[in-house]
Amino acid sequence: MISVNEIKVVMKEQEERMLRTLQEEKIIERDLVIGRNAIARGAANIITGPRRCGKSVFAFQLAKKEKFGYINFDDERLNFDPGELNKALEAIYSAKGDVDLILFDEIQEAPGWERFVGRLVEDKRVIITGSNARLMSRELATYMTGRHIDHELLPFSFSEFLDYKGFARNAAGTYSTSEKSRIMALLEEYLLKGGFPLGIRIGRSYVADLFSDIIQRDIIQRHRVKMTSKLADLSKYLISNSSSEVSYSKLRNMLGVASKHTIQDWISYMEQAYLLFKTERFSYKLKEAMIAPKKVYAIDTGLATAVSSEIGFARLMETAVAVELQRRSHYFWPPSRQINYWKDHAQREVDFVVREGNKVLELLQVTYASKETEIAGREAENLLAASAELKCKNLTIITWDYEREAGGKNKKISFVPLWKWLLGSGPGGAHR
């Protein structure tokens, strides 16, 4: 049993620590925007995303503009018994008075939090953070149907990485030769280190430890997985082979697991914990899309290099594009916009299909090439084959450092360097 005074002491220390972080650390403005009007009574704003991607700092920056109360439940001193969460509210009122906004960090660690928040949003503006999106959404849907707004924050984008590194971006997207050289060096660093703030500062060992922590805490412990070594092997295999096509049946045989449904469940747990995400093959027939192999991507390129030092640059480039598409989907695009990949019976493949319903908006191919002679003919051939089948004329090949437009008036392919596409300054690279 925890007392109100004990909670107040922890609250004070937590808030002081966050304020020191904002003062002493390099804090950048994130691409995700949550307007003040979005944080209203009647609905909890839920900010989810991978562990250590900056959710707490982002949410605290939003809250500190108001008269607010803050509690981080991921603290060993805050052991709430069932039915005790109202003490947290008492502690906030006692320390802060009648606050306008309440921020609960990692509240899913406290038993009974769903009903508590469901009651609280009637009178208060509430922000919640957490590292397990599906769990939070499922539980909130039970008690708060229509009364929560979901936001997903991902590790740093390349533009955020440049800000963090102190590189002055040009709104017009034009750079001198020396500036472009600096951008290319930073892009290589970004692909290797990824976008976790502490991973950038500390290095690969930090991200490797974070990976192990997520596997243990957010998957094995939370879902009571018994075949722990096999799950760990699967997670390392998938992250090390980011951008690969996978089949549940083949993975089951490889690991010696009795049922492919077990593999399916484990991958779902990894998605929930923000280790990875998958894209489905595009098909106008729903059944074909459901049974086709999936492509799996690490949530961050630095995570992939921390798990496997042998992953190639081509895979890192494709993973970076996949993550950026996910980011744009969560931050900027309407919910109706989806991301798939395409493959036909001749095994011709296109990395990304951006669509709304059955209308294909854009086809994207990724290749590690710096000049025309390095681009395999099949890249353009596959893109043109998909273009004909899917009736899409918006075609882009993302390269390492090659830029031009090819083709005629009715069907042309834009070749865009990765850095330009990631910064949204080239064809196919607009955020919205």
Foldseek 3Di string as FASTA:
>chain_A
DDALVLQLVQQVVVVVVLVVCVVPPDDDDALFDDDPVNQAFQAEEEEEEAPQQCPVNVVVVSAVVFQEGEDECVDPSDADDPPRCVSNVVSRCVVRNPTQEYEYEQCVVHPPVLQVVLVVSNRHRYYYYHQFVVVVVVSNCVRRPVRYDYFYDAFGFLVRLCVSVVNDDDPLRDDDPVSVVVSLVSVVLCLQQWRRVVSSVPHLVVLLVSVVVLLVPQPCVVVVDDPSVLLVVVLLVQLLPAQDWDALVVSCVVSVPDDSVVVVVSVVSCVRSQQKDWAWADDPDPVCRVRGTIGMHGLISNNNCSSPVPRDPQSSLLNSVVNLVVVLCRRPDDVQWGWHKYADPVRQTFSIFIARNLQTEETEHEDADAEDVRDDPSRVVSQVVCCVVSVYQHAEYEYQHDFDWDDDDRHIYTYHYSSCLSVQNDRVNPSD
